[in-house]
PDB file of all heavy atoms in Angstrom:
ATOM      1  N   ALA A   1      30.770  -2.074  42.158  1.00  0.00           N
ATOM      2  CA  ALA A   1      30.143  -1.778  43.429  1.00  0.00           C
ATOM      3  C   ALA A   1      30.178  -0.288  43.681  1.00  0.00           C
ATOM      4  O   ALA A   1      29.237   0.302  44.132  1.00  0.00           O
ATOM      5  CB  ALA A   1      30.758  -2.594  44.595  1.00  0.00           C
ATOM      6  N   GLU A   2      31.294   0.318  43.413  1.00  0.00           N
ATOM      7  CA  GLU A   2      31.443   1.752  43.610  1.00  0.00           C
ATOM      8  C   GLU A   2      30.562   2.558  42.676  1.00  0.00           C
ATOM      9  O   GLU A   2      29.932   3.522  43.060  1.00  0.00           O
ATOM     10  CB  GLU A   2      32.881   2.110  43.359  1.00  0.00           C
ATOM     11  CG  GLU A   2      34.015   1.611  44.307  1.00  0.00           C
ATOM     12  CD  GLU A   2      34.459   0.258  44.116  1.00  0.00           C
ATOM     13  OE1 GLU A   2      33.965  -0.401  43.174  1.00  0.00           O
ATOM     14  OE2 GLU A   2      35.456  -0.187  44.666  1.00  0.00           O
ATOM     15  N   LYS A   3      30.487   2.090  41.461  1.00  0.00           N
ATOM     16  CA  LYS A   3      29.544   2.874  40.505  1.00  0.00           C
ATOM     17  C   LYS A   3      28.147   2.709  40.909  1.00  0.00           C
ATOM     18  O   LYS A   3      27.352   3.705  40.747  1.00  0.00           O
ATOM     19  CB  LYS A   3      29.674   2.196  39.090  1.00  0.00           C
ATOM     20  CG  LYS A   3      31.110   2.553  38.420  1.00  0.00           C
ATOM     21  CD  LYS A   3      31.223   1.768  37.075  1.00  0.00           C
ATOM     22  CE  LYS A   3      32.667   2.164  36.518  1.00  0.00           C
ATOM     23  NZ  LYS A   3      32.854   1.358  35.304  1.00  0.00           N
ATOM     24  N   ALA A   4      27.715   1.559  41.425  1.00  0.00           N
ATOM     25  CA  ALA A   4      26.355   1.461  41.915  1.00  0.00           C
ATOM     26  C   ALA A   4      26.091   2.401  43.120  1.00  0.00           C
ATOM     27  O   ALA A   4      24.964   3.026  43.088  1.00  0.00           O
ATOM     28  CB  ALA A   4      26.100   0.021  42.407  1.00  0.00           C
ATOM     29  N   ARG A   5      27.049   2.608  44.009  1.00  0.00           N
ATOM     30  CA  ARG A   5      26.788   3.519  45.156  1.00  0.00           C
ATOM     31  C   ARG A   5      26.757   4.980  44.619  1.00  0.00           C
ATOM     32  O   ARG A   5      25.935   5.680  45.039  1.00  0.00           O
ATOM     33  CB  ARG A   5      27.868   3.358  46.164  1.00  0.00           C
ATOM     34  CG  ARG A   5      27.892   1.962  46.820  1.00  0.00           C
ATOM     35  CD  ARG A   5      28.666   2.047  48.117  1.00  0.00           C
ATOM     36  NE  ARG A   5      30.089   2.536  47.977  1.00  0.00           N
ATOM     37  CZ  ARG A   5      31.223   1.862  47.744  1.00  0.00           C
ATOM     38  NH1 ARG A   5      30.993   0.514  47.558  1.00  0.00           N
ATOM     39  NH2 ARG A   5      32.355   2.335  47.660  1.00  0.00           N
ATOM     40  N   ILE A   6      27.652   5.264  43.737  1.00  0.00           N
ATOM     41  CA  ILE A   6      27.712   6.608  43.152  1.00  0.00           C
ATOM     42  C   ILE A   6      26.329   6.945  42.394  1.00  0.00           C
ATOM     43  O   ILE A   6      25.722   7.968  42.538  1.00  0.00           O
ATOM     44  CB  ILE A   6      28.893   6.776  42.208  1.00  0.00           C
ATOM     45  CG1 ILE A   6      30.188   6.673  43.066  1.00  0.00           C
ATOM     46  CG2 ILE A   6      28.807   8.081  41.475  1.00  0.00           C
ATOM     47  CD1 ILE A   6      31.438   6.587  42.170  1.00  0.00           C
ATOM     48  N   GLY A   7      26.007   5.956  41.606  1.00  0.00           N
ATOM     49  CA  GLY A   7      24.604   6.109  40.850  1.00  0.00           C
ATOM     50  C   GLY A   7      23.431   6.387  41.732  1.00  0.00           C
ATOM     51  O   GLY A   7      22.609   7.209  41.554  1.00  0.00           O
ATOM     52  N   ALA A   8      23.409   5.572  42.796  1.00  0.00           N
ATOM     53  CA  ALA A   8      22.341   5.743  43.865  1.00  0.00           C
ATOM     54  C   ALA A   8      22.348   7.128  44.451  1.00  0.00           C
ATOM     55  O   ALA A   8      21.310   7.732  44.677  1.00  0.00           O
ATOM     56  CB  ALA A   8      22.411   4.639  44.903  1.00  0.00           C
ATOM     57  N   ALA A   9      23.565   7.545  44.894  1.00  0.00           N
ATOM     58  CA  ALA A   9      23.612   8.903  45.470  1.00  0.00           C
ATOM     59  C   ALA A   9      23.229   9.969  44.522  1.00  0.00           C
ATOM     60  O   ALA A   9      22.516  10.959  44.949  1.00  0.00           O
ATOM     61  CB  ALA A   9      25.063   9.098  46.018  1.00  0.00           C
ATOM     62  N   ALA A  10      23.653   9.884  43.290  1.00  0.00           N
ATOM     63  CA  ALA A  10      23.300  10.856  42.299  1.00  0.00           C
ATOM     64  C   ALA A  10      21.860  10.906  42.066  1.00  0.00           C
ATOM     65  O   ALA A  10      21.279  12.033  41.920  1.00  0.00           O
ATOM     66  CB  ALA A  10      23.988  10.546  40.970  1.00  0.00           C
ATOM     67  N   ALA A  11      21.184   9.786  41.939  1.00  0.00           N
ATOM     68  CA  ALA A  11      19.738   9.711  41.660  1.00  0.00           C
ATOM     69  C   ALA A  11      18.883  10.329  42.721  1.00  0.00           C
ATOM     70  O   ALA A  11      17.861  10.944  42.484  1.00  0.00           O
ATOM     71  CB  ALA A  11      19.325   8.295  41.477  1.00  0.00           C
ATOM     72  N   GLU A  12      19.404  10.374  44.010  1.00  0.00           N
ATOM     73  CA  GLU A  12      18.747  10.987  45.132  1.00  0.00           C
ATOM     74  C   GLU A  12      18.734  12.445  44.952  1.00  0.00           C
ATOM     75  O   GLU A  12      17.865  13.174  45.648  1.00  0.00           O
ATOM     76  CB  GLU A  12      19.384  10.649  46.417  1.00  0.00           C
ATOM     77  CG  GLU A  12      19.265   9.119  46.799  1.00  0.00           C
ATOM     78  CD  GLU A  12      17.875   8.699  47.132  1.00  0.00           C
ATOM     79  OE1 GLU A  12      17.059   9.564  47.499  1.00  0.00           O
ATOM     80  OE2 GLU A  12      17.633   7.461  47.065  1.00  0.00           O
ATOM     81  N   LEU A  13      19.510  13.030  44.154  1.00  0.00           N
ATOM     82  CA  LEU A  13      19.519  14.499  43.925  1.00  0.00           C
ATOM     83  C   LEU A  13      18.352  14.950  42.978  1.00  0.00           C
ATOM     84  O   LEU A  13      18.068  16.241  42.847  1.00  0.00           O
ATOM     85  CB  LEU A  13      20.871  14.940  43.334  1.00  0.00           C
ATOM     86  CG  LEU A  13      22.191  14.743  44.199  1.00  0.00           C
ATOM     87  CD1 LEU A  13      23.370  15.049  43.475  1.00  0.00           C
ATOM     88  CD2 LEU A  13      22.054  15.453  45.514  1.00  0.00           C
ATOM     89  N   ILE A  14      17.848  14.102  42.236  1.00  0.00           N
ATOM     90  CA  ILE A  14      16.746  14.390  41.247  1.00  0.00           C
ATOM     91  C   ILE A  14      15.405  14.644  41.894  1.00  0.00           C
ATOM     92  O   ILE A  14      15.047  13.984  42.759  1.00  0.00           O
ATOM     93  CB  ILE A  14      16.627  13.287  40.188  1.00  0.00           C
ATOM     94  CG1 ILE A  14      18.033  13.069  39.536  1.00  0.00           C
ATOM     95  CG2 ILE A  14      15.577  13.561  39.193  1.00  0.00           C
ATOM     96  CD1 ILE A  14      18.077  11.768  38.668  1.00  0.00           C
ATOM     97  N   ARG A  15      14.807  15.750  41.518  1.00  0.00           N
ATOM     98  CA  ARG A  15      13.557  16.221  42.106  1.00  0.00           C
ATOM     99  C   ARG A  15      12.427  16.133  41.043  1.00  0.00           C
ATOM    100  O   ARG A  15      12.674  16.308  39.852  1.00  0.00           O
ATOM    101  CB  ARG A  15      13.685  17.618  42.627  1.00  0.00           C
ATOM    102  CG  ARG A  15      14.700  17.833  43.770  1.00  0.00           C
ATOM    103  CD  ARG A  15      14.208  17.051  45.074  1.00  0.00           C
ATOM    104  NE  ARG A  15      15.240  17.134  46.052  1.00  0.00           N
ATOM    105  CZ  ARG A  15      16.055  16.136  46.377  1.00  0.00           C
ATOM    106  NH1 ARG A  15      16.003  14.993  45.684  1.00  0.00           N
ATOM    107  NH2 ARG A  15      16.898  16.198  47.372  1.00  0.00           N
ATOM    108  N   PRO A  16      11.232  15.892  41.507  1.00  0.00           N
ATOM    109  CA  PRO A  16      10.054  15.893  40.559  1.00  0.00           C
ATOM    110  C   PRO A  16       9.979  17.140  39.776  1.00  0.00           C
ATOM    111  O   PRO A  16      10.162  18.225  40.240  1.00  0.00           O
ATOM    112  CB  PRO A  16       8.836  15.715  41.518  1.00  0.00           C
ATOM    113  CG  PRO A  16       9.409  15.121  42.738  1.00  0.00           C
ATOM    114  CD  PRO A  16      10.718  15.626  42.905  1.00  0.00           C
ATOM    115  N   GLY A  17       9.655  17.044  38.530  1.00  0.00           N
ATOM    116  CA  GLY A  17       9.511  18.093  37.634  1.00  0.00           C
ATOM    117  C   GLY A  17      10.770  18.562  36.991  1.00  0.00           C
ATOM    118  O   GLY A  17      10.742  19.542  36.127  1.00  0.00           O
ATOM    119  N   GLN A  18      11.903  18.062  37.306  1.00  0.00           N
ATOM    120  CA  GLN A  18      13.122  18.473  36.764  1.00  0.00           C
ATOM    121  C   GLN A  18      13.470  17.916  35.341  1.00  0.00           C
ATOM    122  O   GLN A  18      12.915  16.944  34.961  1.00  0.00           O
ATOM    123  CB  GLN A  18      14.365  18.076  37.652  1.00  0.00           C
ATOM    124  CG  GLN A  18      14.437  18.925  38.888  1.00  0.00           C
ATOM    125  CD  GLN A  18      15.754  18.755  39.597  1.00  0.00           C
ATOM    126  OE1 GLN A  18      16.427  17.667  39.621  1.00  0.00           O
ATOM    127  NE2 GLN A  18      16.147  19.782  40.291  1.00  0.00           N
ATOM    128  N   ILE A  19      14.224  18.759  34.665  1.00  0.00           N
ATOM    129  CA  ILE A  19      14.800  18.194  33.289  1.00  0.00           C
ATOM    130  C   ILE A  19      16.272  17.841  33.668  1.00  0.00           C
ATOM    131  O   ILE A  19      16.952  18.726  34.157  1.00  0.00           O
ATOM    132  CB  ILE A  19      14.641  19.304  32.246  1.00  0.00           C
ATOM    133  CG1 ILE A  19      13.220  19.627  32.000  1.00  0.00           C
ATOM    134  CG2 ILE A  19      15.294  18.735  30.972  1.00  0.00           C
ATOM    135  CD1 ILE A  19      13.108  20.911  31.149  1.00  0.00           C
ATOM    136  N   ILE A  20      16.649  16.709  33.293  1.00  0.00           N
ATOM    137  CA  ILE A  20      18.089  16.245  33.618  1.00  0.00           C
ATOM    138  C   ILE A  20      18.747  15.729  32.293  1.00  0.00           C
ATOM    139  O   ILE A  20      18.066  15.393  31.420  1.00  0.00           O
ATOM    140  CB  ILE A  20      18.202  15.242  34.715  1.00  0.00           C
ATOM    141  CG1 ILE A  20      17.683  13.833  34.183  1.00  0.00           C
ATOM    142  CG2 ILE A  20      17.502  15.684  36.017  1.00  0.00           C
ATOM    143  CD1 ILE A  20      17.992  12.688  35.029  1.00  0.00           C
ATOM    144  N   ILE A  21      20.086  15.966  32.285  1.00  0.00           N
ATOM    145  CA  ILE A  21      20.929  15.363  31.192  1.00  0.00           C
ATOM    146  C   ILE A  21      21.735  14.205  31.701  1.00  0.00           C
ATOM    147  O   ILE A  21      22.353  14.361  32.862  1.00  0.00           O
ATOM    148  CB  ILE A  21      21.766  16.319  30.620  1.00  0.00           C
ATOM    149  CG1 ILE A  21      20.948  17.469  30.000  1.00  0.00           C
ATOM    150  CG2 ILE A  21      22.631  15.690  29.432  1.00  0.00           C
ATOM    151  CD1 ILE A  21      21.901  18.649  29.388  1.00  0.00           C
ATOM    152  N   LEU A  22      21.588  13.086  31.097  1.00  0.00           N
ATOM    153  CA  LEU A  22      22.468  11.940  31.456  1.00  0.00           C
ATOM    154  C   LEU A  22      23.519  11.717  30.462  1.00  0.00           C
ATOM    155  O   LEU A  22      23.104  11.280  29.248  1.00  0.00           O
ATOM    156  CB  LEU A  22      21.658  10.608  31.699  1.00  0.00           C
ATOM    157  CG  LEU A  22      20.895  10.442  32.975  1.00  0.00           C
ATOM    158  CD1 LEU A  22      20.149   9.117  33.017  1.00  0.00           C
ATOM    159  CD2 LEU A  22      21.746  10.631  34.188  1.00  0.00           C
ATOM    160  N   ASP A  23      24.728  11.935  30.610  1.00  0.00           N
ATOM    161  CA  ASP A  23      25.815  11.643  29.733  1.00  0.00           C
ATOM    162  C   ASP A  23      25.963  10.122  29.571  1.00  0.00           C
ATOM    163  O   ASP A  23      25.387   9.300  30.315  1.00  0.00           O
ATOM    164  CB  ASP A  23      27.102  12.292  30.297  1.00  0.00           C
ATOM    165  CG  ASP A  23      28.297  11.944  29.408  1.00  0.00           C
ATOM    166  OD1 ASP A  23      28.158  11.951  28.187  1.00  0.00           O
ATOM    167  OD2 ASP A  23      29.440  11.744  30.020  1.00  0.00           O
ATOM    168  N   SER A  24      26.752   9.762  28.537  1.00  0.00           N
ATOM    169  CA  SER A  24      26.923   8.290  28.341  1.00  0.00           C
ATOM    170  C   SER A  24      27.968   7.839  29.367  1.00  0.00           C
ATOM    171  O   SER A  24      28.726   8.564  29.945  1.00  0.00           O
ATOM    172  CB  SER A  24      27.478   8.061  26.911  1.00  0.00           C
ATOM    173  OG  SER A  24      28.730   8.767  26.747  1.00  0.00           O
ATOM    174  N   GLY A  25      27.994   6.446  29.562  1.00  0.00           N
ATOM    175  CA  GLY A  25      28.902   5.902  30.445  1.00  0.00           C
ATOM    176  C   GLY A  25      28.295   4.779  31.427  1.00  0.00           C
ATOM    177  O   GLY A  25      27.040   4.833  31.552  1.00  0.00           O
ATOM    178  N   THR A  26      29.082   4.115  32.086  1.00  0.00           N
ATOM    179  CA  THR A  26      28.672   3.009  32.903  1.00  0.00           C
ATOM    180  C   THR A  26      28.125   3.580  34.270  1.00  0.00           C
ATOM    181  O   THR A  26      27.227   2.966  34.787  1.00  0.00           O
ATOM    182  CB  THR A  26      29.710   1.970  33.210  1.00  0.00           C
ATOM    183  OG1 THR A  26      30.929   2.562  33.627  1.00  0.00           O
ATOM    184  CG2 THR A  26      30.028   1.266  31.937  1.00  0.00           C
ATOM    185  N   THR A  27      28.712   4.624  34.772  1.00  0.00           N
ATOM    186  CA  THR A  27      28.169   5.159  35.987  1.00  0.00           C
ATOM    187  C   THR A  27      26.905   6.042  35.835  1.00  0.00           C
ATOM    188  O   THR A  27      26.012   5.871  36.708  1.00  0.00           O
ATOM    189  CB  THR A  27      29.311   6.107  36.671  1.00  0.00           C
ATOM    190  OG1 THR A  27      30.546   5.452  36.667  1.00  0.00           O
ATOM    191  CG2 THR A  27      28.933   6.556  38.109  1.00  0.00           C
ATOM    192  N   THR A  28      26.762   6.660  34.766  1.00  0.00           N
ATOM    193  CA  THR A  28      25.510   7.415  34.482  1.00  0.00           C
ATOM    194  C   THR A  28      24.487   6.358  34.200  1.00  0.00           C
ATOM    195  O   THR A  28      23.305   6.608  34.477  1.00  0.00           O
ATOM    196  CB  THR A  28      25.634   8.317  33.318  1.00  0.00           C
ATOM    197  OG1 THR A  28      26.301   7.692  32.199  1.00  0.00           O
ATOM    198  CG2 THR A  28      26.520   9.590  33.760  1.00  0.00           C
TER     199      THR A  28
END
């Protein structure tokens, strides 16, 4: 449940046109 909330909050930081890196792991 905590990871789902963290993942949702992180995804909200992504903007159109950006290049992002996602590391391995269950939270990413």
